[in-house]
């Protein structure tokens, strides 16, 4: 999708001089990434958003995990699950291998929680 999206991105970031370089992608990707990194580093998220909106560039800000817990889209698409006895949402499995419910049924065991069950039969052999 580089030929489709990169021209708008470069124009939005005032990197028009790099438009001819799109033809050399992916061989010149290191150079393009370096230029893009530098351009992004010089702008605030607000400036990037305004520039991308004006240039009709598709984008979404990268969020911290804590912010994502309350993100409307992340919650609507099922990115998180609730687990009994766990006080925060957890990331859902990114791959569903069947139609079965993939949500955890309980929390992971605590350290040493099942020692008696596991090691009990072995104690009689010591």
Foldseek 3Di string as FASTA:
>chain_A
DCVVAVCLLCVLLVNNVCVVVSVVPPVCVVVVVVVVVVSVVVDDPVSSVVSCVVSVHDDDDDDDPVVLQPDPVCVVVPQWDDAPPDDGTDGFDPDDPDPDDRGDHHDDDDVPNCVCVVCVVVVVVD
